[in-house]
Protein backbone atom coordinates (compact mmCIF):
# COMPACT_ATOMS: atom_id res chain seq x y z
CA UNK A 1 177.02 102.45 134.88
CA UNK A 2 177.50 102.40 131.37
CA UNK A 3 180.93 102.18 130.57
CA UNK A 4 181.29 102.15 126.84
CA UNK A 5 183.39 105.25 125.05
CA UNK A 6 184.53 106.61 128.82
CA UNK A 7 187.29 109.00 128.06
CA UNK A 8 190.27 108.70 130.28
CA UNK A 9 191.04 112.42 129.97
CA UNK A 10 191.40 113.57 133.37
CA UNK A 11 190.35 117.31 133.66
CA UNK A 12 188.68 120.33 135.83
CA UNK A 13 185.27 119.44 133.54
CA UNK A 14 185.53 115.11 134.33
CA UNK A 15 186.05 115.72 138.10
CA UNK A 16 183.11 118.01 138.49
CA UNK A 17 181.19 115.47 136.57
CA UNK A 18 182.83 112.78 139.28
CA UNK A 19 181.86 115.06 141.68
CA UNK A 20 178.30 115.27 140.81
CA UNK A 21 178.32 111.46 140.83
CA UNK A 22 179.27 111.52 144.05
CA UNK A 23 176.86 113.70 145.19
CA UNK A 24 174.10 111.72 143.29
CA UNK A 25 175.14 108.79 145.19
CA UNK A 26 173.04 110.24 148.38
CA UNK A 27 170.08 110.46 146.86
CA UNK A 28 169.90 107.63 144.57
CA UNK A 29 172.11 104.71 144.31
CA UNK A 30 174.92 103.88 146.65
CA UNK A 31 178.37 103.44 144.67
CA UNK A 32 179.96 99.80 145.26
CA UNK A 33 182.88 101.09 146.28
CA UNK A 34 184.63 104.37 147.82
CA UNK A 35 188.24 104.58 147.36
CA UNK A 36 189.94 107.07 149.85
CA UNK A 37 193.67 107.98 149.11
CA UNK A 38 195.25 108.91 145.78
CA UNK A 39 198.24 106.90 146.12
CA UNK A 40 199.47 104.03 144.22
CA UNK A 41 197.31 101.45 146.47
CA UNK A 42 194.03 103.41 146.20
CA UNK A 43 194.93 103.81 142.37
CA UNK A 44 195.34 100.21 142.00
CA UNK A 45 192.08 99.46 144.49
CA UNK A 46 190.39 101.97 141.73
CA UNK A 47 190.71 99.97 139.28
CA UNK A 48 190.36 96.25 140.72
CA UNK A 49 187.23 97.60 141.44
CA UNK A 50 186.25 99.05 138.77
CA UNK A 51 187.44 96.02 136.28
CA UNK A 52 185.54 93.82 138.39
CA UNK A 53 182.07 95.47 137.20
CA UNK A 54 181.67 97.70 140.19
CA UNK A 55 180.63 101.05 140.47
CA UNK A 56 183.63 102.85 141.81
CA UNK A 57 185.01 106.23 143.19
CA UNK A 58 188.19 107.34 144.16
CA UNK A 59 188.95 110.88 146.32
CA UNK A 60 192.26 112.10 147.36
CA UNK A 61 192.71 115.31 149.36
CA UNK A 62 195.67 117.28 147.29
CA UNK A 63 197.36 116.08 143.97
CA UNK A 64 197.15 112.68 142.62
CA UNK A 65 200.23 110.69 144.20
CA UNK A 66 201.10 113.46 145.88
CA UNK A 67 202.40 111.63 149.09
CA UNK A 68 204.46 108.54 149.18
CA UNK A 69 204.17 107.53 145.76
CA UNK A 70 206.25 110.29 144.05
CA UNK A 71 208.75 110.49 146.62
CA UNK A 72 209.81 106.80 146.68
CA UNK A 73 213.28 104.89 145.32
CA UNK A 74 210.99 104.41 141.91
CA UNK A 75 212.32 100.73 141.90
CA UNK A 76 210.21 98.35 141.06
CA UNK A 77 212.19 95.04 142.44
CA UNK A 78 211.76 91.52 144.50
CA UNK A 79 213.70 93.11 147.72
CA UNK A 80 217.02 91.28 147.49
CA UNK A 81 217.04 91.95 151.66
CA UNK A 82 214.05 89.76 152.54
CA UNK A 83 215.87 86.46 151.33
CA UNK A 84 218.38 87.56 154.63
CA UNK A 85 214.94 87.12 156.28
CA UNK A 86 213.99 83.97 154.61
CA UNK A 87 210.70 85.12 153.08
CA UNK A 88 210.62 83.70 149.70
CA UNK A 89 207.03 83.73 149.29
CA UNK A 90 207.04 87.73 149.61
CA UNK A 91 210.40 87.71 147.25
CA UNK A 92 208.60 85.66 144.39
CA UNK A 93 205.06 87.43 144.99
CA UNK A 94 207.24 91.02 144.10
CA UNK A 95 209.42 89.71 141.37
CA UNK A 96 206.24 88.10 139.76
CA UNK A 97 204.66 91.61 139.94
CA UNK A 98 208.08 92.99 138.60
CA UNK A 99 208.00 90.66 135.28
CA UNK A 100 204.20 91.28 135.07
CA UNK A 101 204.52 95.38 135.01
CA UNK A 102 207.58 94.88 132.46
CA UNK A 103 206.06 92.20 130.48
CA UNK A 104 202.36 93.21 130.26
CA UNK A 105 200.99 96.15 132.43
CA UNK A 106 203.26 98.82 131.67
CA UNK A 107 206.52 98.06 129.54
CA UNK A 108 206.60 101.80 128.79
CA UNK A 109 206.92 103.28 132.71
CA UNK A 110 208.95 100.36 133.91
CA UNK A 111 212.14 99.76 132.71
CA UNK A 112 215.19 97.58 133.56
CA UNK A 113 218.02 98.34 135.26
CA UNK A 114 220.90 96.72 136.44
CA UNK A 115 222.60 96.82 139.92
CA UNK A 116 226.48 96.21 140.99
CA UNK A 117 226.74 94.54 144.37
CA UNK A 118 230.44 95.48 145.47
CA UNK A 119 232.13 92.66 147.39
CA UNK A 120 235.06 93.08 149.80
CA UNK A 121 236.17 89.63 150.07
CA UNK A 122 237.77 87.77 147.35
CA UNK A 123 236.53 84.05 148.52
CA UNK A 124 233.74 83.75 151.01
CA UNK A 125 231.19 86.78 150.31
CA UNK A 126 231.30 86.08 146.39
CA UNK A 127 230.00 82.41 146.88
CA UNK A 128 227.21 83.93 149.78
CA UNK A 129 226.22 86.74 147.90
CA UNK A 130 226.49 84.79 144.72
CA UNK A 131 223.90 82.19 145.90
CA UNK A 132 221.53 84.53 147.28
CA UNK A 133 221.34 86.66 144.18
CA UNK A 134 221.15 83.29 141.83
CA UNK A 135 217.94 82.53 144.62
CA UNK A 136 216.60 85.92 143.48
CA UNK A 137 216.75 84.68 140.05
CA UNK A 138 215.58 81.51 139.87
CA UNK A 139 212.49 82.77 142.27
CA UNK A 140 212.00 85.33 139.54
CA UNK A 141 212.32 82.60 136.77
CA UNK A 142 209.27 80.72 138.67
CA UNK A 143 207.09 83.44 137.88
CA UNK A 144 204.43 82.61 135.15
CA UNK A 145 204.95 83.73 131.48
CA UNK A 146 208.70 84.50 129.89
CA UNK A 147 211.60 85.61 131.98
CA UNK A 148 211.83 89.49 131.87
CA UNK A 149 215.17 90.37 132.83
CA UNK A 150 218.61 88.69 132.44
CA UNK A 151 220.31 86.37 134.79
CA UNK A 152 223.12 87.93 137.55
CA UNK A 153 226.82 87.71 136.44
CA UNK A 154 229.78 88.10 138.39
CA UNK A 155 232.10 90.50 137.51
CA UNK A 156 236.00 91.00 138.17
CA UNK A 157 237.89 93.87 138.97
CA UNK A 158 238.56 94.46 135.79
CA UNK A 159 234.71 94.27 134.87
CA UNK A 160 233.50 96.32 137.60
CA UNK A 161 235.76 99.51 136.82
CA UNK A 162 234.14 99.14 132.96
CA UNK A 163 231.00 99.06 134.14
CA UNK A 164 231.33 101.81 136.82
CA UNK A 165 234.81 103.25 136.28
CA UNK A 166 234.14 105.85 138.99
CA UNK A 167 233.94 103.20 141.85
CA UNK A 168 237.00 103.98 144.06
CA UNK A 169 239.73 101.11 142.80
CA UNK A 170 239.98 99.83 146.57
CA UNK A 171 236.11 99.90 147.39
CA UNK A 172 235.84 96.41 146.43
CA UNK A 173 237.51 93.57 144.90
CA UNK A 174 234.74 92.48 142.43
CA UNK A 175 230.69 92.41 142.02
CA UNK A 176 227.69 90.76 141.22
CA UNK A 177 225.47 92.08 138.82
CA UNK A 178 221.85 91.92 138.83
CA UNK A 179 218.89 93.56 137.66
CA UNK A 180 215.69 95.23 138.01
CA UNK A 181 213.03 97.60 137.60
CA UNK A 182 212.99 101.16 137.64
CA UNK A 183 209.39 103.55 137.37
CA UNK A 184 208.46 106.90 137.72
CA UNK A 185 206.44 106.52 140.45
CA UNK A 186 204.28 109.53 140.10
CA UNK A 187 203.25 108.57 136.16
CA UNK A 188 202.57 104.94 137.32
CA UNK A 189 199.79 106.52 139.75
CA UNK A 190 198.47 109.00 137.47
CA UNK A 191 198.10 106.31 134.52
CA UNK A 192 196.29 103.94 136.87
CA UNK A 193 193.95 106.47 137.76
CA UNK A 194 193.32 107.38 133.79
CA UNK A 195 192.89 103.56 133.47
CA UNK A 196 190.49 103.20 135.79
CA UNK A 197 188.62 106.63 134.77
CA UNK A 198 188.57 104.59 131.16
CA UNK A 199 186.66 102.10 132.65
CA UNK A 200 184.01 103.75 134.55
CA UNK A 201 185.66 104.52 137.76
CA UNK A 202 185.05 108.37 139.26
CA UNK A 203 188.19 110.34 140.24
CA UNK A 204 188.11 113.59 142.28
CA UNK A 205 191.53 114.94 143.50
CA UNK A 206 191.56 117.86 145.91
CA UNK A 207 188.66 116.26 147.58
CA UNK A 208 189.14 115.45 151.09
CA UNK A 209 187.34 112.88 153.46
CA UNK A 210 185.92 114.79 156.72
CA UNK A 211 183.52 112.45 158.13
CA UNK A 212 182.69 108.50 157.88
CA UNK A 213 179.05 108.31 158.48
CA UNK A 214 177.08 104.96 159.74
CA UNK A 215 173.86 103.35 159.39
CA UNK A 216 171.08 102.73 161.84
CA UNK A 217 173.26 99.21 162.48
CA UNK A 218 176.70 101.11 162.95
CA UNK A 219 177.86 100.28 159.60
CA UNK A 220 180.02 102.84 157.75
CA UNK A 221 177.95 103.72 154.54
CA UNK A 222 179.59 106.34 152.92
CA UNK A 223 181.39 109.53 153.83
CA UNK A 224 181.13 113.46 154.35
CA UNK A 225 183.38 114.98 151.46
CA UNK A 226 184.93 118.72 150.98
CA UNK A 227 185.91 119.84 148.20
CA UNK A 228 188.52 121.72 148.85
CA UNK A 229 188.72 124.12 145.61
CA UNK A 230 185.63 125.49 146.62
CA UNK A 231 184.71 124.58 150.12
CA UNK A 232 181.29 122.74 149.45
CA UNK A 233 181.17 119.88 151.69
CA UNK A 234 178.48 117.52 150.83
CA UNK A 235 177.24 113.60 151.66
CA UNK A 236 178.24 110.39 149.68
CA UNK A 237 177.12 106.46 149.97
CA UNK A 238 178.93 103.69 149.35
CA UNK A 239 178.23 99.87 149.98
CA UNK A 240 181.94 99.78 150.51
CA UNK A 241 184.35 102.04 151.70
CA UNK A 242 188.40 101.45 151.51
CA UNK A 243 190.54 103.26 152.95
CA UNK A 244 194.23 103.45 151.44
CA UNK A 245 195.80 106.30 153.08
CA UNK A 246 199.35 105.30 154.15
CA UNK A 247 200.70 107.54 156.85
CA UNK A 248 197.31 109.02 157.15
CA UNK A 249 195.84 105.69 157.94
CA UNK A 250 195.14 106.10 161.58
CA UNK A 251 193.81 109.83 160.91
CA UNK A 252 190.93 108.37 158.67
CA UNK A 253 190.31 105.43 160.40
CA UNK A 254 189.45 107.91 163.29
CA UNK A 255 186.85 109.62 161.17
CA UNK A 256 184.54 106.08 161.40
CA UNK A 257 185.06 106.60 165.59
CA UNK A 258 185.96 103.71 167.95
CA UNK A 259 189.23 102.58 168.59
CA UNK A 260 189.88 99.76 166.26
CA UNK A 261 192.40 99.85 163.24
CA UNK A 262 195.54 99.30 162.28
CA UNK A 263 198.91 101.20 163.75
CA UNK A 264 201.02 102.82 161.46
CA UNK A 265 204.35 104.67 162.11
CA UNK A 266 206.01 106.98 159.65
CA UNK A 267 209.81 106.60 158.48
CA UNK A 268 211.44 109.24 156.24
CA UNK A 269 213.38 108.08 153.24
CA UNK A 270 215.65 110.87 151.31
CA UNK A 271 216.95 110.97 148.04
CA UNK A 272 219.38 113.29 146.22
CA UNK A 273 219.45 114.02 142.89
CA UNK A 274 223.15 114.61 141.05
CA UNK A 275 223.82 115.06 136.97
CA UNK A 276 224.72 112.13 135.11
CA UNK A 277 227.82 113.38 133.95
CA UNK A 278 228.59 113.84 137.52
CA UNK A 279 229.53 109.48 137.91
CA UNK A 280 231.31 107.54 135.29
CA UNK A 281 228.93 104.65 135.50
CA UNK A 282 226.70 102.41 133.26
CA UNK A 283 225.17 100.36 136.04
CA UNK A 284 223.96 101.38 139.48
CA UNK A 285 225.57 100.56 142.89
CA UNK A 286 223.65 98.95 146.12
CA UNK A 287 225.13 99.16 149.30
CA UNK A 288 224.52 98.11 152.75
CA UNK A 289 224.79 100.99 155.73
CA UNK A 290 224.62 100.74 159.39
CA UNK A 291 220.93 101.83 158.78
CA UNK A 292 219.32 101.12 155.54
CA UNK A 293 220.23 100.06 152.19
CA UNK A 294 222.04 102.55 150.02
CA UNK A 295 221.22 102.87 146.23
CA UNK A 296 223.11 104.43 143.33
CA UNK A 297 220.64 104.41 140.52
CA UNK A 298 220.93 105.94 136.82
CA UNK A 299 217.69 107.58 135.86
CA UNK A 300 217.33 109.21 132.58
CA UNK A 301 219.98 112.09 132.61
CA UNK A 302 220.84 112.26 136.61
CA UNK A 303 221.42 109.64 139.18
CA UNK A 304 219.46 109.30 142.27
CA UNK A 305 221.08 108.60 145.34
CA UNK A 306 219.19 107.33 148.47
CA UNK A 307 217.76 106.24 150.91
CA UNK A 308 217.65 107.41 155.15
CA UNK A 309 215.52 105.62 157.21
CA UNK A 310 214.56 108.33 160.44
CA UNK A 311 211.48 108.06 162.02
CA UNK A 312 209.04 111.09 161.75
CA UNK A 313 207.09 112.30 164.29
CA UNK A 314 206.18 115.95 162.55
CA UNK A 315 203.32 116.93 160.25
CA UNK A 316 202.32 114.46 158.05
CA UNK A 317 201.90 116.31 154.67
CA UNK A 318 205.46 118.27 154.34
CA UNK A 319 208.66 116.13 154.83
CA UNK A 320 211.56 117.89 153.75
CA UNK A 321 215.31 116.97 153.56
CA UNK A 322 217.70 117.98 156.30
CA UNK A 323 221.02 119.05 156.14
CA UNK A 324 222.01 115.97 157.94
CA UNK A 325 220.25 113.94 155.45
CA UNK A 326 221.92 115.22 152.68
CA UNK A 327 225.27 114.59 154.63
CA UNK A 328 224.52 111.34 155.61
CA UNK A 329 223.69 110.36 152.13
CA UNK A 330 226.67 112.04 151.03
CA UNK A 331 229.10 110.40 153.34
CA UNK A 332 228.34 106.73 152.11
CA UNK A 333 228.01 107.71 148.62
CA UNK A 334 231.47 108.85 148.94
CA UNK A 335 232.86 105.88 150.62
CA UNK A 336 232.95 104.19 147.39
CA UNK A 337 233.37 106.91 144.78
CA UNK A 338 236.57 107.90 143.30
CA UNK A 339 235.65 111.44 143.14
CA UNK A 340 233.88 112.63 145.80
CA UNK A 341 230.66 114.40 145.52
CA UNK A 342 229.46 117.98 147.17
CA UNK A 343 226.67 119.84 147.83
CA UNK A 344 227.55 121.75 145.20
CA UNK A 345 226.89 118.68 142.64
CA UNK A 346 223.15 118.45 144.13
CA UNK A 347 220.65 119.11 141.41
CA UNK A 348 217.58 118.24 143.33
CA UNK A 349 216.31 116.24 146.59
CA UNK A 350 212.90 114.62 148.01
CA UNK A 351 211.82 113.22 151.36
CA UNK A 352 209.02 110.99 151.54
CA UNK A 353 207.07 109.03 154.34
CA UNK A 354 206.64 105.09 154.50
CA UNK A 355 203.98 103.54 156.04
CA UNK A 356 205.11 101.59 158.24
CA UNK A 357 202.56 98.98 159.46
CA UNK A 358 203.13 98.06 163.26
CA UNK A 359 202.55 94.29 164.35
CA UNK A 360 198.88 93.42 165.25
CA UNK A 361 195.99 95.54 165.24
CA UNK A 362 194.11 97.66 167.75
CA UNK A 363 191.67 96.33 169.74
CA UNK A 364 188.17 95.45 168.11
CA UNK A 365 189.59 95.05 164.77
CA UNK A 366 187.88 91.99 163.35
CA UNK A 367 189.32 89.63 160.69
CA UNK A 368 192.80 91.04 159.70
CA UNK A 369 194.45 89.50 156.67
CA UNK A 370 198.19 89.74 156.86
CA UNK A 371 200.93 89.28 154.91
CA UNK A 372 204.78 90.30 156.59
CA UNK A 373 204.26 93.53 153.79
CA UNK A 374 200.64 94.62 154.26
CA UNK A 375 197.57 93.80 156.20
CA UNK A 376 194.01 94.58 155.17
CA UNK A 377 191.64 94.88 158.28
CA UNK A 378 187.87 96.06 159.02
CA UNK A 379 187.97 98.30 162.08
CA UNK A 380 184.24 98.78 161.56
CA UNK A 381 181.85 97.31 159.76
CA UNK A 382 181.60 98.70 156.18
CA UNK A 383 184.68 99.83 156.25
CA UNK A 384 188.12 98.37 155.05
CA UNK A 385 191.30 99.26 155.41
CA UNK A 386 195.04 97.85 154.19
CA UNK A 387 198.42 99.45 154.81
CA UNK A 388 201.74 98.94 154.71
CA UNK A 389 203.18 97.34 151.59
CA UNK A 390 205.11 98.70 148.54
CA UNK A 391 205.17 99.90 145.37
CA UNK A 392 206.06 96.96 143.56
CA UNK A 393 203.00 94.93 145.15
CA UNK A 394 199.92 97.55 144.62
CA UNK A 395 198.53 95.27 142.21
CA UNK A 396 198.41 92.10 144.79
CA UNK A 397 197.68 94.59 147.49
CA UNK A 398 194.65 95.84 145.73
CA UNK A 399 192.88 92.69 144.97
CA UNK A 400 193.50 91.50 148.59
CA UNK A 401 191.89 95.36 149.51
CA UNK A 402 188.96 94.34 147.05
CA UNK A 403 188.67 90.94 147.96
CA UNK A 404 188.25 91.51 151.66
CA UNK A 405 185.67 94.29 151.12
CA UNK A 406 183.45 92.04 148.91
CA UNK A 407 183.72 89.19 151.17
CA UNK A 408 182.14 85.86 150.01
CA UNK A 409 181.26 88.28 146.88
CA UNK A 410 184.51 88.20 145.79
CA UNK A 411 184.66 84.65 144.59
CA UNK A 412 181.95 86.00 141.99
CA UNK A 413 184.04 88.77 141.00
CA UNK A 414 187.56 87.76 140.91
CA UNK A 415 190.18 89.89 140.21
CA UNK A 416 191.60 90.70 136.74
CA UNK A 417 193.66 92.92 136.92
CA UNK A 418 196.72 90.93 135.80
CA UNK A 419 195.20 90.66 132.63
CA UNK A 420 194.14 94.64 132.32
CA UNK A 421 197.67 96.46 130.42
CA UNK A 422 197.83 100.04 131.62
CA UNK A 423 196.87 102.97 129.12
CA UNK A 424 199.81 103.19 126.72
CA UNK A 425 200.98 99.69 126.79
CA UNK A 426 198.77 98.40 124.24
CA UNK A 427 200.72 99.11 120.59
CA UNK A 428 204.14 100.39 122.14
CA UNK A 429 205.69 98.01 120.17
CA UNK A 430 204.07 100.32 116.97
CA UNK A 431 204.74 103.62 118.14
CA UNK A 432 208.55 102.89 118.89
CA UNK A 433 208.39 101.87 115.11
CA UNK A 434 207.02 105.55 114.59
CA UNK A 435 209.39 107.29 116.50
CA UNK A 436 212.11 107.59 113.64
CA UNK A 437 209.75 109.39 111.82
CA UNK A 438 208.15 111.47 114.47
CA UNK A 439 211.82 112.29 115.14
CA UNK A 440 212.38 113.54 111.66
CA UNK A 441 208.98 115.53 111.64
CA UNK A 442 209.82 117.71 114.37
CA UNK A 443 213.29 117.66 115.01
CA UNK A 444 213.00 114.85 118.00
CA UNK A 445 216.83 113.56 119.73
CA UNK A 446 216.48 110.28 119.39
CA UNK A 447 217.25 110.47 123.40
CA UNK A 448 213.73 112.77 123.46
CA UNK A 449 211.90 110.16 121.86
CA UNK A 450 212.84 107.80 123.81
CA UNK A 451 211.67 110.22 126.76
CA UNK A 452 208.28 110.46 125.07
CA UNK A 453 207.49 106.59 125.04
CA UNK A 454 208.72 106.33 128.46
CA UNK A 455 206.21 108.63 129.73
CA UNK A 456 203.61 107.73 127.70
CA UNK A 457 203.99 104.40 125.56
CA UNK A 458 201.68 104.28 123.12
CA UNK A 459 199.83 107.55 123.99
CA UNK A 460 202.52 109.47 122.31
CA UNK A 461 199.98 110.04 119.62
CA UNK A 462 198.31 112.30 121.87
CA UNK A 463 201.29 114.36 121.96
CA UNK A 464 202.25 114.10 118.54
CA UNK A 465 198.34 115.40 117.75
CA UNK A 466 199.35 118.14 119.64
CA UNK A 467 202.31 119.18 117.61
CA UNK A 468 200.15 118.62 114.39
CA UNK A 469 197.53 121.29 115.84
CA UNK A 470 199.91 123.92 117.28
CA UNK A 471 203.73 123.32 115.78
CA UNK A 472 204.86 125.57 118.63
CA UNK A 473 203.79 122.70 121.05
CA UNK A 474 206.79 120.44 119.29
CA UNK A 475 209.12 122.76 120.85
CA UNK A 476 211.10 122.03 124.00
CA UNK A 477 210.61 124.52 126.91
CA UNK A 478 213.18 127.27 126.65
CA UNK A 479 214.65 126.36 130.34
CA UNK A 480 213.80 123.06 130.86
CA UNK A 481 214.53 121.37 127.51
CA UNK A 482 213.94 118.17 128.67
CA UNK A 483 210.48 118.59 128.19
CA UNK A 484 208.10 119.64 125.35
CA UNK A 485 205.81 122.41 125.43
CA UNK A 486 203.16 119.84 124.66
CA UNK A 487 204.02 117.59 127.59
CA UNK A 488 202.99 120.93 129.91
CA UNK A 489 199.24 121.17 127.63
CA UNK A 490 198.93 117.28 127.45
CA UNK A 491 199.35 117.61 131.31
CA UNK A 492 196.59 120.13 131.86
CA UNK A 493 194.23 118.71 128.87
CA UNK A 494 194.62 114.79 130.07
CA UNK A 495 196.37 114.24 133.58
CA UNK A 496 193.98 116.07 136.14
CA UNK A 497 196.16 118.94 136.83
CA UNK A 498 194.60 121.76 138.90
CA UNK A 499 197.45 123.85 140.11
CA UNK A 500 200.78 124.74 139.10
CA UNK A 501 202.46 122.56 141.55
CA UNK A 502 200.89 119.64 139.97
CA UNK A 503 202.97 120.24 136.93
CA UNK A 504 206.16 120.78 138.76
CA UNK A 505 206.07 118.26 141.51
CA UNK A 506 203.88 115.04 139.77
CA UNK A 507 203.38 115.45 136.16
CA UNK A 508 207.07 116.46 135.12
CA UNK A 509 209.95 116.15 137.76
CA UNK A 510 211.25 119.52 137.54
CA UNK A 511 210.88 119.84 140.92
CA UNK A 512 214.03 117.90 141.69
CA UNK A 513 215.96 117.30 138.32
CA UNK A 514 216.91 120.84 137.46
CA UNK A 515 218.86 123.05 140.29
CA UNK A 516 216.26 125.40 140.31
CA UNK A 517 213.47 123.36 141.05
CA UNK A 518 212.09 124.82 137.72
CA UNK A 519 211.54 128.11 138.43
CA UNK A 520 213.20 129.53 135.27
CA UNK A 521 210.70 127.60 133.17
CA UNK A 522 207.54 128.86 135.42
CA UNK A 523 206.72 131.47 133.29
CA UNK A 524 206.56 129.30 130.26
CA UNK A 525 204.74 126.68 131.92
CA UNK A 526 202.22 129.03 133.97
CA UNK A 527 201.44 130.37 130.46
CA UNK A 528 200.55 127.36 128.70
CA UNK A 529 198.57 125.81 131.91
CA UNK A 530 196.44 129.29 132.32
CA UNK A 531 195.48 129.07 128.34
CA UNK A 532 194.46 125.32 129.20
CA UNK A 533 192.59 126.00 132.28
CA UNK A 534 191.07 129.48 131.55
CA UNK A 535 193.05 131.36 134.50
CA UNK A 536 192.96 135.05 133.95
CA UNK A 537 196.55 136.98 134.74
CA UNK A 538 195.63 137.06 138.15
CA UNK A 539 194.83 133.74 138.98
CA UNK A 540 198.31 132.88 137.16
CA UNK A 541 200.20 135.01 139.32
CA UNK A 542 199.23 133.89 142.34
CA UNK A 543 199.78 130.23 140.88
CA UNK A 544 203.64 131.43 140.28
CA UNK A 545 203.49 132.60 143.46
CA UNK A 546 202.75 129.73 145.29
CA UNK A 547 204.91 127.64 143.97
CA UNK A 548 207.90 129.82 144.07
CA UNK A 549 206.93 130.24 147.80
CA UNK A 550 206.94 126.34 147.87
CA UNK A 551 210.50 125.73 145.99
CA UNK A 552 212.01 128.82 148.27
CA UNK A 553 210.45 127.28 151.49
CA UNK A 554 211.79 123.43 150.51
CA UNK A 555 215.45 124.95 149.68
CA UNK A 556 215.48 126.87 152.70
CA UNK A 557 214.71 123.74 154.71
CA UNK A 558 217.36 121.38 153.36
CA UNK A 559 219.72 123.87 155.24
CA UNK A 560 218.49 123.07 158.79
CA UNK A 561 219.88 120.41 160.93
CA UNK A 562 217.00 118.26 161.92
CA UNK A 563 213.31 118.10 160.88
CA UNK A 564 211.80 120.20 163.57
CA UNK A 565 213.67 123.02 162.27
CA UNK A 566 213.36 122.32 158.95
CA UNK A 567 209.20 121.87 159.07
CA UNK A 568 209.41 125.26 160.85
CA UNK A 569 210.74 126.72 157.40
CA UNK A 570 208.93 124.69 154.70
CA UNK A 571 205.53 125.33 156.53
CA UNK A 572 206.17 129.02 156.32
CA UNK A 573 204.80 128.63 152.44
CA UNK A 574 201.23 128.45 152.60
CA UNK A 575 199.61 124.88 150.64
CA UNK A 576 197.16 125.90 147.44
CA UNK A 577 194.44 123.68 148.81
CA UNK A 578 194.60 123.53 152.53
CA UNK A 579 193.34 120.65 154.34
CA UNK A 580 190.25 120.77 156.20
CA UNK A 581 190.51 120.93 160.20
CA UNK A 582 189.54 117.54 161.31
CA UNK A 583 190.49 118.17 165.04
CA UNK A 584 186.64 118.93 165.60
CA UNK A 585 185.62 115.99 163.91
CA UNK A 586 184.92 112.72 165.29
């Protein structure tokens, strides 16, 4: 497969071309690698495989990053808490990946952020915590290349009050300030997918695996796919199939039959969003609670506060925040805030499911490679499964998964992704220098230029081109002025949008960064999407109705006391691409 001139654009047309290649694999030469799951792990695997020169396809049953990978704490970090477990290797690995992302792979997407670790005891705690953070910084310094972030600093009570005026004066005697990174998780995933596509990977969202097929010897040799947009079902053949479906791991494993595989439990994590001017602070906070770590994270025009950590036993597709979750976060944040938050301050929430890997593997699973954070195993020949892990180490997980799938063949095709910048990284400094000129041309504020560079990096030239071709594209959305009209058009023309919810949930963050979940902007956004996707008026109105129903159901679920009642309310809104029923499969 030639990759010369391959476009990074994801469109309905590119999706159909990828589906055509997938159909063709059953008649001709099988794919080298079929990746199931379009979160950060699957996207990373697709990029790892295709850059090794392997014919690669990735499928996702819903939108890219529609699950855990758009609902994280949006941090790229080493995992300070793992030092308490003395897992120095894991922390060093994560810090190495953090610095690699900031320095080389995605400097536009991953940005430094500082946190204050408040201290309640004047002497022993400063020494104890200070030693831990010093070790954290030392492990980061061992990473190859230049150091990405500053060393930590000890902060006095007065210094703490300057950095975070809204911290209660009696809440701490001082603090330690250290640095990690933040990232728009969904944009990281879509950028990984587009980067993989630019090297020749086939990518098809809203495409569900409904069966894993085997050859006469019992080896998995492909899958049966259902195009959820049309209902068409067809086979695909691949020499290696990699399952990277997170909390859906066991459901996907079961499609191959047998009883082997990895065991994954889902844990729900909830975050709330409040306006930036509601809390006076220049740095974030990290707080220990009885159940989890609570972060107060400065993020763009607002603060993100979370998270919770509770077992989830409901359906896996639509976790939601409940009244109890929100009250828990408010209570712990208010314990240290001088001006307590109320529910009226909250402009958005999200809930995600962590795939918690359980110890050991199911009987019959062969040769598992295990780290504390993730495991790669083969429950059936030809099928590789990876589970666990975290967003920061997606590249290491991807490398491990492809190495495992290739076996001895991996030596001849080693991973090169440590040297493959993501789209938008190369030329970033050039476009930063051009930012002032763009601002003058279109009347953009410095904050808006920074917003564009953070989202697109050097690909901001694509946004400028849209504005040159149609000056109306340079204007902000009337009811969501943080975004340009061009960004909606670009999501449609380059970023794989198939439905209105893809824009509101994953290409922008309007679902949780404005108090009405983006409903006021829906008319304008839907008109731009309709023009780009060729929707007729009936289709446009149906898309508006579907997103409105979803937004209202999510809002109503937040008023419910527990997961079970919240699920009933949330599921009242129908999905735009319902999953195929697998209850009779395998």
